N, C-alpha and C. Protein backbone atom coordinates (compact mmCIF):
# COMPACT_ATOMS: atom_id res chain seq x y z
N MET A 1 13.43 0.32 3.19
CA MET A 1 12.75 -0.53 2.24
C MET A 1 12.27 0.35 1.09
N ASP A 2 12.54 -0.08 -0.14
CA ASP A 2 12.10 0.73 -1.28
C ASP A 2 11.50 -0.15 -2.37
N TYR A 3 10.95 0.50 -3.35
CA TYR A 3 10.25 -0.16 -4.45
C TYR A 3 11.15 -1.14 -5.19
N ASP A 4 12.37 -0.72 -5.49
CA ASP A 4 13.29 -1.58 -6.24
C ASP A 4 13.62 -2.85 -5.47
N GLU A 5 13.78 -2.75 -4.17
CA GLU A 5 14.08 -3.92 -3.34
C GLU A 5 12.92 -4.93 -3.40
N ILE A 6 11.70 -4.43 -3.33
CA ILE A 6 10.53 -5.31 -3.41
C ILE A 6 10.41 -5.89 -4.81
N SER A 7 10.63 -5.07 -5.81
CA SER A 7 10.57 -5.52 -7.20
C SER A 7 11.60 -6.61 -7.47
N ASP A 8 12.81 -6.45 -6.95
CA ASP A 8 13.85 -7.48 -7.11
C ASP A 8 13.42 -8.80 -6.47
N ALA A 9 12.81 -8.73 -5.29
CA ALA A 9 12.33 -9.95 -4.62
C ALA A 9 11.21 -10.60 -5.44
N PHE A 10 10.33 -9.80 -6.02
CA PHE A 10 9.28 -10.33 -6.89
C PHE A 10 9.91 -11.06 -8.08
N ASN A 11 10.92 -10.45 -8.69
CA ASN A 11 11.58 -11.06 -9.83
C ASN A 11 12.26 -12.37 -9.45
N ARG A 12 12.97 -12.39 -8.31
CA ARG A 12 13.64 -13.62 -7.86
C ARG A 12 12.64 -14.73 -7.58
N ALA A 13 11.48 -14.37 -7.07
CA ALA A 13 10.43 -15.35 -6.75
C ALA A 13 9.56 -15.66 -7.96
N ASN A 14 9.86 -15.02 -9.09
CA ASN A 14 9.09 -15.19 -10.32
C ASN A 14 7.61 -14.91 -10.09
N LEU A 15 7.35 -13.79 -9.41
CA LEU A 15 5.98 -13.37 -9.12
C LEU A 15 5.61 -12.17 -9.98
N ALA A 16 4.46 -12.27 -10.59
CA ALA A 16 3.92 -11.09 -11.27
C ALA A 16 3.17 -10.30 -10.19
N GLY A 17 3.08 -9.04 -10.37
CA GLY A 17 2.36 -8.23 -9.40
C GLY A 17 3.08 -6.92 -9.21
N SER A 18 2.45 -6.09 -8.44
CA SER A 18 2.97 -4.76 -8.23
C SER A 18 3.49 -4.60 -6.81
N PRO A 19 4.76 -4.25 -6.65
CA PRO A 19 5.29 -3.96 -5.31
C PRO A 19 4.49 -2.87 -4.62
N ALA A 20 4.02 -1.89 -5.37
CA ALA A 20 3.21 -0.81 -4.78
C ALA A 20 1.90 -1.38 -4.25
N GLU A 21 1.28 -2.25 -5.01
CA GLU A 21 0.01 -2.83 -4.59
C GLU A 21 0.19 -3.69 -3.33
N LEU A 22 1.30 -4.42 -3.24
CA LEU A 22 1.57 -5.22 -2.04
C LEU A 22 1.73 -4.32 -0.82
N HIS A 23 2.49 -3.24 -0.95
CA HIS A 23 2.64 -2.31 0.19
C HIS A 23 1.30 -1.67 0.54
N GLY A 24 0.52 -1.32 -0.46
CA GLY A 24 -0.80 -0.77 -0.20
C GLY A 24 -1.68 -1.77 0.54
N PHE A 25 -1.63 -3.03 0.13
CA PHE A 25 -2.42 -4.07 0.78
C PHE A 25 -2.01 -4.22 2.24
N LEU A 26 -0.72 -4.28 2.50
CA LEU A 26 -0.25 -4.42 3.89
C LEU A 26 -0.64 -3.20 4.71
N SER A 27 -0.50 -2.02 4.14
CA SER A 27 -0.87 -0.79 4.86
C SER A 27 -2.36 -0.75 5.16
N GLY A 28 -3.18 -1.17 4.21
CA GLY A 28 -4.62 -1.22 4.43
C GLY A 28 -5.00 -2.24 5.49
N SER A 29 -4.35 -3.39 5.46
CA SER A 29 -4.60 -4.43 6.46
C SER A 29 -4.24 -3.94 7.86
N ILE A 30 -3.09 -3.30 7.96
CA ILE A 30 -2.63 -2.78 9.26
C ILE A 30 -3.59 -1.69 9.75
N SER A 31 -4.02 -0.81 8.84
CA SER A 31 -4.96 0.24 9.21
C SER A 31 -6.26 -0.34 9.73
N GLY A 32 -6.63 -1.49 9.23
CA GLY A 32 -7.86 -2.15 9.65
C GLY A 32 -7.66 -3.14 10.77
N ALA A 33 -6.50 -3.09 11.42
CA ALA A 33 -6.18 -3.92 12.59
C ALA A 33 -6.05 -5.40 12.27
N ASN A 34 -5.65 -5.73 11.04
CA ASN A 34 -5.32 -7.11 10.72
C ASN A 34 -3.83 -7.28 10.88
N PHE A 35 -3.44 -7.99 11.92
CA PHE A 35 -2.03 -8.26 12.17
C PHE A 35 -1.79 -9.74 11.99
N TYR A 36 -0.62 -10.09 11.48
CA TYR A 36 -0.36 -11.46 11.05
C TYR A 36 0.85 -12.09 11.74
N SER A 37 0.75 -13.40 11.94
CA SER A 37 1.92 -14.19 12.30
C SER A 37 2.68 -14.46 10.99
N THR A 38 3.85 -15.03 11.09
CA THR A 38 4.62 -15.33 9.88
C THR A 38 3.82 -16.21 8.93
N GLU A 39 3.23 -17.25 9.45
CA GLU A 39 2.47 -18.18 8.62
C GLU A 39 1.24 -17.52 8.01
N SER A 40 0.49 -16.79 8.82
CA SER A 40 -0.72 -16.17 8.29
C SER A 40 -0.38 -15.05 7.30
N LEU A 41 0.76 -14.39 7.47
CA LEU A 41 1.17 -13.36 6.51
C LEU A 41 1.41 -14.00 5.14
N VAL A 42 2.13 -15.11 5.12
CA VAL A 42 2.41 -15.80 3.86
C VAL A 42 1.11 -16.26 3.21
N LEU A 43 0.23 -16.87 3.99
CA LEU A 43 -1.05 -17.35 3.46
C LEU A 43 -1.90 -16.21 2.92
N THR A 44 -1.95 -15.11 3.66
CA THR A 44 -2.77 -13.97 3.26
C THR A 44 -2.23 -13.33 1.99
N VAL A 45 -0.91 -13.17 1.91
CA VAL A 45 -0.32 -12.56 0.71
C VAL A 45 -0.46 -13.49 -0.49
N ALA A 46 -0.35 -14.80 -0.27
CA ALA A 46 -0.56 -15.76 -1.37
C ALA A 46 -1.98 -15.64 -1.91
N LYS A 47 -2.94 -15.52 -1.00
CA LYS A 47 -4.33 -15.36 -1.43
C LYS A 47 -4.49 -14.04 -2.18
N PHE A 48 -3.89 -12.96 -1.64
CA PHE A 48 -3.99 -11.66 -2.28
C PHE A 48 -3.38 -11.67 -3.69
N LEU A 49 -2.20 -12.30 -3.82
CA LEU A 49 -1.53 -12.36 -5.13
C LEU A 49 -2.06 -13.47 -6.03
N GLU A 50 -2.95 -14.31 -5.46
CA GLU A 50 -3.54 -15.44 -6.19
C GLU A 50 -2.47 -16.40 -6.70
N VAL A 51 -1.57 -16.79 -5.78
CA VAL A 51 -0.51 -17.75 -6.10
C VAL A 51 -0.41 -18.77 -4.97
N GLU A 52 0.36 -19.83 -5.21
CA GLU A 52 0.62 -20.84 -4.18
C GLU A 52 1.51 -20.25 -3.09
N THR A 53 1.37 -20.74 -1.88
CA THR A 53 2.14 -20.21 -0.75
C THR A 53 3.64 -20.36 -0.97
N GLU A 54 4.06 -21.40 -1.67
CA GLU A 54 5.49 -21.61 -1.93
C GLU A 54 6.09 -20.44 -2.70
N ARG A 55 5.30 -19.89 -3.60
CA ARG A 55 5.78 -18.75 -4.39
C ARG A 55 6.02 -17.55 -3.49
N VAL A 56 5.13 -17.33 -2.53
CA VAL A 56 5.28 -16.21 -1.60
C VAL A 56 6.46 -16.47 -0.67
N GLU A 57 6.63 -17.72 -0.26
CA GLU A 57 7.78 -18.07 0.60
C GLU A 57 9.09 -17.75 -0.11
N ASP A 58 9.09 -17.81 -1.45
CA ASP A 58 10.29 -17.48 -2.23
C ASP A 58 10.68 -16.01 -2.12
N LEU A 59 9.80 -15.18 -1.57
CA LEU A 59 10.15 -13.78 -1.34
C LEU A 59 11.18 -13.65 -0.22
N GLY A 60 11.32 -14.70 0.57
CA GLY A 60 12.30 -14.70 1.65
C GLY A 60 11.97 -13.67 2.71
N ASP A 61 13.02 -13.09 3.27
CA ASP A 61 12.87 -12.13 4.36
C ASP A 61 12.24 -10.82 3.93
N MET A 62 12.22 -10.56 2.63
CA MET A 62 11.68 -9.29 2.16
C MET A 62 10.25 -9.07 2.65
N LEU A 63 9.42 -10.11 2.62
CA LEU A 63 8.03 -9.95 3.01
C LEU A 63 7.90 -9.57 4.48
N ALA A 64 8.59 -10.29 5.34
CA ALA A 64 8.55 -9.97 6.78
C ALA A 64 9.12 -8.58 7.03
N ASN A 65 10.21 -8.25 6.32
CA ASN A 65 10.81 -6.92 6.49
C ASN A 65 9.85 -5.82 6.04
N LEU A 66 9.16 -6.03 4.92
CA LEU A 66 8.20 -5.06 4.43
C LEU A 66 7.04 -4.91 5.41
N TYR A 67 6.60 -6.01 5.97
CA TYR A 67 5.50 -5.98 6.93
C TYR A 67 5.89 -5.18 8.18
N HIS A 68 7.05 -5.47 8.73
CA HIS A 68 7.52 -4.73 9.91
C HIS A 68 7.74 -3.25 9.57
N PHE A 69 8.31 -3.00 8.41
CA PHE A 69 8.52 -1.62 7.95
C PHE A 69 7.18 -0.88 7.89
N SER A 70 6.16 -1.55 7.35
CA SER A 70 4.84 -0.94 7.20
C SER A 70 4.22 -0.65 8.56
N ILE A 71 4.35 -1.58 9.50
CA ILE A 71 3.83 -1.35 10.86
C ILE A 71 4.54 -0.14 11.48
N HIS A 72 5.87 -0.10 11.32
CA HIS A 72 6.63 1.02 11.87
C HIS A 72 6.18 2.35 11.27
N GLN A 73 6.00 2.36 9.94
CA GLN A 73 5.55 3.58 9.28
C GLN A 73 4.20 4.04 9.83
N MET A 74 3.28 3.11 9.97
CA MET A 74 1.94 3.46 10.41
C MET A 74 1.92 3.92 11.87
N ASN A 75 2.86 3.45 12.67
CA ASN A 75 2.91 3.80 14.09
C ASN A 75 3.77 5.01 14.38
N SER A 76 4.47 5.51 13.43
CA SER A 76 5.42 6.59 13.65
C SER A 76 4.72 7.87 14.09
N ASN A 77 5.23 8.45 15.13
CA ASN A 77 4.72 9.76 15.57
C ASN A 77 5.27 10.89 14.72
N ASP A 78 6.25 10.58 13.89
CA ASP A 78 6.89 11.59 13.04
C ASP A 78 6.31 11.62 11.64
N PHE A 79 5.17 10.98 11.45
CA PHE A 79 4.51 10.95 10.14
C PHE A 79 5.44 10.44 9.05
N GLU A 80 6.14 9.34 9.34
CA GLU A 80 7.08 8.75 8.39
C GLU A 80 6.37 8.02 7.26
N PHE A 81 5.08 7.76 7.41
CA PHE A 81 4.38 6.98 6.40
C PHE A 81 4.49 7.62 5.03
N ARG A 82 4.73 6.77 4.05
CA ARG A 82 4.67 7.15 2.65
C ARG A 82 4.42 5.90 1.84
N PRO A 83 3.61 5.98 0.80
CA PRO A 83 3.41 4.79 -0.03
C PRO A 83 4.71 4.45 -0.75
N ILE A 84 5.00 3.17 -0.87
CA ILE A 84 6.20 2.75 -1.59
C ILE A 84 5.86 2.73 -3.08
N LEU A 85 6.51 3.63 -3.80
CA LEU A 85 6.27 3.83 -5.23
C LEU A 85 7.61 3.87 -5.96
N PRO A 86 7.60 3.72 -7.29
CA PRO A 86 8.86 3.80 -8.04
C PRO A 86 9.55 5.15 -7.84
N ASN A 87 10.87 5.13 -8.00
CA ASN A 87 11.67 6.36 -7.86
C ASN A 87 11.32 7.36 -8.95
N ASP A 88 11.73 8.60 -8.73
CA ASP A 88 11.44 9.68 -9.66
C ASP A 88 12.09 9.52 -11.03
N ASP A 89 13.08 8.62 -11.16
CA ASP A 89 13.71 8.43 -12.46
C ASP A 89 12.88 7.53 -13.39
N VAL A 90 11.82 6.93 -12.86
CA VAL A 90 10.90 6.12 -13.67
C VAL A 90 9.93 7.08 -14.35
N ILE A 91 9.55 6.75 -15.59
CA ILE A 91 8.67 7.66 -16.32
C ILE A 91 7.36 7.86 -15.57
N LEU A 92 6.81 9.04 -15.73
CA LEU A 92 5.64 9.47 -14.97
C LEU A 92 4.45 8.52 -15.14
N SER A 93 4.21 8.04 -16.33
CA SER A 93 3.05 7.17 -16.55
C SER A 93 3.16 5.88 -15.73
N GLU A 94 4.35 5.34 -15.58
CA GLU A 94 4.54 4.14 -14.76
C GLU A 94 4.36 4.45 -13.28
N ARG A 95 4.83 5.62 -12.86
CA ARG A 95 4.64 6.02 -11.46
C ARG A 95 3.17 6.22 -11.15
N LEU A 96 2.44 6.82 -12.09
CA LEU A 96 1.00 7.02 -11.90
C LEU A 96 0.26 5.68 -11.83
N ALA A 97 0.64 4.75 -12.69
CA ALA A 97 0.03 3.42 -12.64
C ALA A 97 0.29 2.77 -11.28
N SER A 98 1.48 2.97 -10.73
CA SER A 98 1.81 2.42 -9.42
C SER A 98 0.99 3.08 -8.31
N VAL A 99 0.69 4.37 -8.46
CA VAL A 99 -0.17 5.05 -7.49
C VAL A 99 -1.55 4.39 -7.48
N GLY A 100 -2.08 4.12 -8.67
CA GLY A 100 -3.37 3.43 -8.76
C GLY A 100 -3.30 2.05 -8.13
N ASP A 101 -2.22 1.30 -8.42
CA ASP A 101 -2.03 -0.03 -7.83
C ASP A 101 -1.97 0.05 -6.31
N TRP A 102 -1.23 1.04 -5.80
CA TRP A 102 -1.07 1.18 -4.35
C TRP A 102 -2.44 1.39 -3.70
N CYS A 103 -3.23 2.29 -4.29
CA CYS A 103 -4.56 2.58 -3.73
C CYS A 103 -5.47 1.35 -3.80
N GLN A 104 -5.41 0.61 -4.89
CA GLN A 104 -6.21 -0.61 -4.99
C GLN A 104 -5.82 -1.60 -3.90
N GLY A 105 -4.53 -1.77 -3.69
CA GLY A 105 -4.06 -2.67 -2.63
C GLY A 105 -4.52 -2.21 -1.26
N PHE A 106 -4.40 -0.92 -0.99
CA PHE A 106 -4.82 -0.38 0.29
C PHE A 106 -6.31 -0.63 0.53
N LEU A 107 -7.12 -0.33 -0.45
CA LEU A 107 -8.56 -0.50 -0.32
C LEU A 107 -8.93 -1.97 -0.12
N TYR A 108 -8.24 -2.86 -0.80
CA TYR A 108 -8.48 -4.29 -0.64
C TYR A 108 -8.11 -4.74 0.77
N GLY A 109 -6.93 -4.32 1.23
CA GLY A 109 -6.49 -4.70 2.58
C GLY A 109 -7.41 -4.15 3.65
N LEU A 110 -7.79 -2.89 3.52
CA LEU A 110 -8.68 -2.27 4.50
C LEU A 110 -10.08 -2.88 4.42
N GLY A 111 -10.53 -3.12 3.21
CA GLY A 111 -11.87 -3.67 3.03
C GLY A 111 -12.02 -5.08 3.58
N ASN A 112 -10.94 -5.83 3.61
CA ASN A 112 -10.98 -7.18 4.16
C ASN A 112 -10.62 -7.24 5.63
N SER A 113 -10.46 -6.10 6.25
CA SER A 113 -10.09 -6.09 7.66
C SER A 113 -11.31 -6.35 8.53
N LYS A 114 -11.05 -6.98 9.64
CA LYS A 114 -12.14 -7.29 10.57
C LYS A 114 -12.66 -6.01 11.23
N TYR A 115 -11.80 -5.02 11.39
CA TYR A 115 -12.18 -3.82 12.11
C TYR A 115 -13.15 -2.96 11.32
N LEU A 116 -12.83 -2.72 10.07
CA LEU A 116 -13.65 -1.81 9.26
C LEU A 116 -15.06 -2.37 9.08
N SER A 117 -15.18 -3.69 9.00
CA SER A 117 -16.50 -4.27 8.79
C SER A 117 -17.38 -4.17 10.04
N ASN A 118 -16.79 -3.85 11.19
CA ASN A 118 -17.55 -3.79 12.43
C ASN A 118 -17.85 -2.38 12.92
N VAL A 119 -17.50 -1.37 12.16
CA VAL A 119 -17.75 -0.01 12.61
C VAL A 119 -18.43 0.79 11.51
N GLU A 120 -19.14 1.80 11.92
CA GLU A 120 -19.70 2.74 10.96
C GLU A 120 -18.63 3.80 10.72
N SER A 121 -18.30 4.01 9.49
CA SER A 121 -17.20 4.91 9.16
C SER A 121 -17.60 6.36 9.37
N PRO A 122 -16.74 7.12 10.07
CA PRO A 122 -16.99 8.56 10.19
C PRO A 122 -16.93 9.22 8.80
N GLU A 123 -17.57 10.37 8.69
CA GLU A 123 -17.69 11.05 7.41
C GLU A 123 -16.33 11.33 6.76
N ASN A 124 -15.33 11.75 7.55
CA ASN A 124 -14.03 12.08 6.94
C ASN A 124 -13.33 10.83 6.43
N ILE A 125 -13.62 9.66 7.00
CA ILE A 125 -13.06 8.42 6.45
C ILE A 125 -13.75 8.09 5.14
N GLU A 126 -15.06 8.26 5.10
CA GLU A 126 -15.80 8.00 3.87
C GLU A 126 -15.28 8.87 2.72
N GLU A 127 -15.02 10.13 3.02
CA GLU A 127 -14.50 11.04 2.00
C GLU A 127 -13.12 10.60 1.54
N ALA A 128 -12.24 10.26 2.49
CA ALA A 128 -10.89 9.81 2.14
C ALA A 128 -10.95 8.51 1.34
N LEU A 129 -11.81 7.58 1.75
CA LEU A 129 -11.95 6.32 1.02
C LEU A 129 -12.45 6.57 -0.40
N GLY A 130 -13.41 7.47 -0.54
CA GLY A 130 -13.91 7.82 -1.88
C GLY A 130 -12.82 8.40 -2.76
N ASP A 131 -11.99 9.24 -2.16
CA ASP A 131 -10.88 9.81 -2.92
C ASP A 131 -9.88 8.74 -3.33
N LEU A 132 -9.60 7.79 -2.43
CA LEU A 132 -8.66 6.72 -2.77
C LEU A 132 -9.23 5.81 -3.86
N VAL A 133 -10.55 5.60 -3.85
CA VAL A 133 -11.19 4.84 -4.92
C VAL A 133 -10.99 5.58 -6.25
N SER A 134 -11.20 6.88 -6.24
CA SER A 134 -11.01 7.67 -7.47
C SER A 134 -9.56 7.59 -7.96
N ILE A 135 -8.63 7.71 -7.04
CA ILE A 135 -7.21 7.64 -7.41
C ILE A 135 -6.87 6.25 -7.94
N SER A 136 -7.47 5.21 -7.37
CA SER A 136 -7.17 3.85 -7.82
C SER A 136 -7.61 3.62 -9.26
N ASN A 137 -8.55 4.44 -9.73
CA ASN A 137 -9.04 4.33 -11.11
C ASN A 137 -8.36 5.32 -12.04
N ILE A 138 -7.17 5.74 -11.68
CA ILE A 138 -6.44 6.76 -12.43
C ILE A 138 -6.29 6.34 -13.90
N GLN A 139 -6.48 7.28 -14.77
CA GLN A 139 -6.33 7.04 -16.20
C GLN A 139 -4.99 7.63 -16.66
N ILE A 140 -4.20 6.80 -17.29
CA ILE A 140 -2.87 7.22 -17.75
C ILE A 140 -2.99 7.77 -19.17
N LEU A 141 -2.50 8.99 -19.34
CA LEU A 141 -2.51 9.61 -20.66
C LEU A 141 -1.35 9.08 -21.48
N SER A 142 -1.55 9.03 -22.78
CA SER A 142 -0.43 8.64 -23.65
C SER A 142 0.58 9.79 -23.67
N ASP A 143 1.79 9.50 -24.11
CA ASP A 143 2.84 10.51 -24.13
C ASP A 143 2.43 11.74 -24.95
N GLN A 144 1.65 11.52 -26.02
CA GLN A 144 1.24 12.66 -26.84
C GLN A 144 0.24 13.54 -26.10
N GLU A 145 -0.52 12.96 -25.18
CA GLU A 145 -1.54 13.72 -24.47
C GLU A 145 -0.99 14.52 -23.29
N GLU A 146 0.20 14.15 -22.83
CA GLU A 146 0.79 14.89 -21.71
C GLU A 146 1.22 16.26 -22.21
N VAL A 147 0.57 17.26 -21.68
CA VAL A 147 0.79 18.61 -22.17
C VAL A 147 2.00 19.27 -21.53
N ASN A 148 2.04 19.32 -20.26
CA ASN A 148 3.10 20.02 -19.56
C ASN A 148 3.70 19.10 -18.51
N GLU A 149 4.92 18.66 -18.74
CA GLU A 149 5.58 17.70 -17.84
C GLU A 149 5.72 18.24 -16.43
N SER A 150 6.04 19.52 -16.28
CA SER A 150 6.23 20.07 -14.93
C SER A 150 4.90 20.12 -14.17
N ASP A 151 3.79 20.45 -14.86
CA ASP A 151 2.48 20.43 -14.22
C ASP A 151 2.11 19.00 -13.83
N SER A 152 2.37 18.05 -14.72
CA SER A 152 2.06 16.66 -14.44
C SER A 152 2.86 16.15 -13.25
N GLU A 153 4.12 16.50 -13.20
CA GLU A 153 4.98 16.09 -12.09
C GLU A 153 4.49 16.72 -10.79
N SER A 154 4.10 17.96 -10.85
CA SER A 154 3.57 18.65 -9.67
C SER A 154 2.28 17.99 -9.19
N ASN A 155 1.41 17.63 -10.13
CA ASN A 155 0.17 16.95 -9.79
C ASN A 155 0.44 15.59 -9.15
N TYR A 156 1.43 14.88 -9.67
CA TYR A 156 1.81 13.57 -9.12
C TYR A 156 2.24 13.73 -7.66
N ILE A 157 3.04 14.72 -7.38
CA ILE A 157 3.51 14.96 -6.02
C ILE A 157 2.32 15.29 -5.10
N GLU A 158 1.41 16.11 -5.58
CA GLU A 158 0.22 16.47 -4.79
C GLU A 158 -0.62 15.23 -4.48
N VAL A 159 -0.80 14.36 -5.46
CA VAL A 159 -1.59 13.15 -5.25
C VAL A 159 -0.92 12.24 -4.22
N THR A 160 0.39 12.04 -4.33
CA THR A 160 1.07 11.17 -3.36
C THR A 160 1.04 11.76 -1.96
N GLU A 161 1.13 13.07 -1.86
CA GLU A 161 1.02 13.71 -0.55
C GLU A 161 -0.39 13.55 0.01
N TYR A 162 -1.39 13.67 -0.85
CA TYR A 162 -2.76 13.49 -0.41
C TYR A 162 -2.98 12.06 0.10
N ILE A 163 -2.41 11.09 -0.59
CA ILE A 163 -2.55 9.69 -0.16
C ILE A 163 -2.01 9.53 1.26
N LYS A 164 -0.84 10.12 1.53
CA LYS A 164 -0.26 10.05 2.88
C LYS A 164 -1.26 10.56 3.92
N VAL A 165 -1.81 11.74 3.66
CA VAL A 165 -2.74 12.36 4.60
C VAL A 165 -4.00 11.51 4.75
N ALA A 166 -4.53 11.02 3.65
CA ALA A 166 -5.76 10.21 3.69
C ALA A 166 -5.54 8.94 4.50
N VAL A 167 -4.43 8.26 4.27
CA VAL A 167 -4.15 7.01 4.97
C VAL A 167 -3.94 7.26 6.46
N LEU A 168 -3.20 8.29 6.80
CA LEU A 168 -3.00 8.60 8.22
C LEU A 168 -4.31 9.01 8.89
N THR A 169 -5.16 9.71 8.16
CA THR A 169 -6.48 10.08 8.70
C THR A 169 -7.31 8.83 8.96
N ILE A 170 -7.36 7.95 7.99
CA ILE A 170 -8.13 6.72 8.15
C ILE A 170 -7.61 5.91 9.34
N SER A 171 -6.31 5.74 9.40
CA SER A 171 -5.72 4.94 10.48
C SER A 171 -5.97 5.56 11.85
N SER A 172 -5.81 6.87 11.94
CA SER A 172 -6.00 7.50 13.25
C SER A 172 -7.47 7.51 13.66
N GLU A 173 -8.37 7.71 12.71
CA GLU A 173 -9.80 7.70 13.03
C GLU A 173 -10.26 6.33 13.48
N LEU A 174 -9.70 5.30 12.88
CA LEU A 174 -10.10 3.95 13.27
C LEU A 174 -9.42 3.52 14.57
N ASN A 175 -8.41 4.30 15.01
CA ASN A 175 -7.67 3.97 16.23
C ASN A 175 -7.19 2.53 16.23
N CYS A 176 -6.75 2.09 15.08
CA CYS A 176 -6.35 0.70 14.95
C CYS A 176 -4.90 0.46 15.30
N ILE A 177 -4.08 1.43 15.13
CA ILE A 177 -2.65 1.22 15.28
C ILE A 177 -2.24 1.64 16.69
N ASP A 178 -2.63 0.82 17.67
CA ASP A 178 -2.34 1.21 19.04
C ASP A 178 -1.38 0.27 19.73
N ASP A 179 -0.96 -0.79 19.07
CA ASP A 179 -0.04 -1.73 19.69
C ASP A 179 1.14 -1.98 18.76
N PRO A 180 2.21 -1.21 18.87
CA PRO A 180 3.33 -1.36 17.95
C PRO A 180 4.01 -2.71 18.05
N ASP A 181 3.77 -3.46 19.12
CA ASP A 181 4.37 -4.79 19.23
C ASP A 181 3.49 -5.86 18.64
N SER A 182 2.31 -5.47 18.15
CA SER A 182 1.44 -6.43 17.49
C SER A 182 2.05 -6.83 16.17
N GLY A 183 1.60 -7.92 15.65
CA GLY A 183 2.01 -8.27 14.31
C GLY A 183 2.84 -9.51 14.26
N LEU A 184 3.73 -9.51 13.33
CA LEU A 184 4.49 -10.69 12.96
C LEU A 184 5.22 -11.28 14.16
N THR A 185 5.01 -12.55 14.36
CA THR A 185 5.72 -13.26 15.40
C THR A 185 6.63 -14.28 14.77
N HIS A 186 7.73 -14.54 15.42
CA HIS A 186 8.69 -15.50 14.88
C HIS A 186 8.64 -16.80 15.63
């Protein structure tokens, strides 16, 4: 599952929104132990995207596939998790905006989870959450302000790697991802 595949489904369904933010939202929900049936997934995503459920249903199998993919990523013992972001051939400013969108989605999904609201967060989760909040507020420089493209690209890679570590830390500390068969039912 990749960014372009999700973006194509958004276009076919005539949905505005960010594929990165949707993946972030699902990842945050899963980290917070919110697992969905097919019907509740559609309803939850419609509420998240602020659209009618029919519009989300127009995403077809992509939504269920993305949800299962996200559960698999979060449960992987091989640290397969990675945020779904645009490919490296997309200009850096758009990729950075998607990083911010992904973090906003993650924080929204985690913040609305039943699990997080019932526990006191350990200090390392608080720090990771604070960092994700900061990343979600990323400021995009204009092309004239970008000084060194290789430094900027290197910084982008570091930020995306940090997001992986932060999300896996949050998920493992919350011990939420313990039933790989949980989730979408048909």
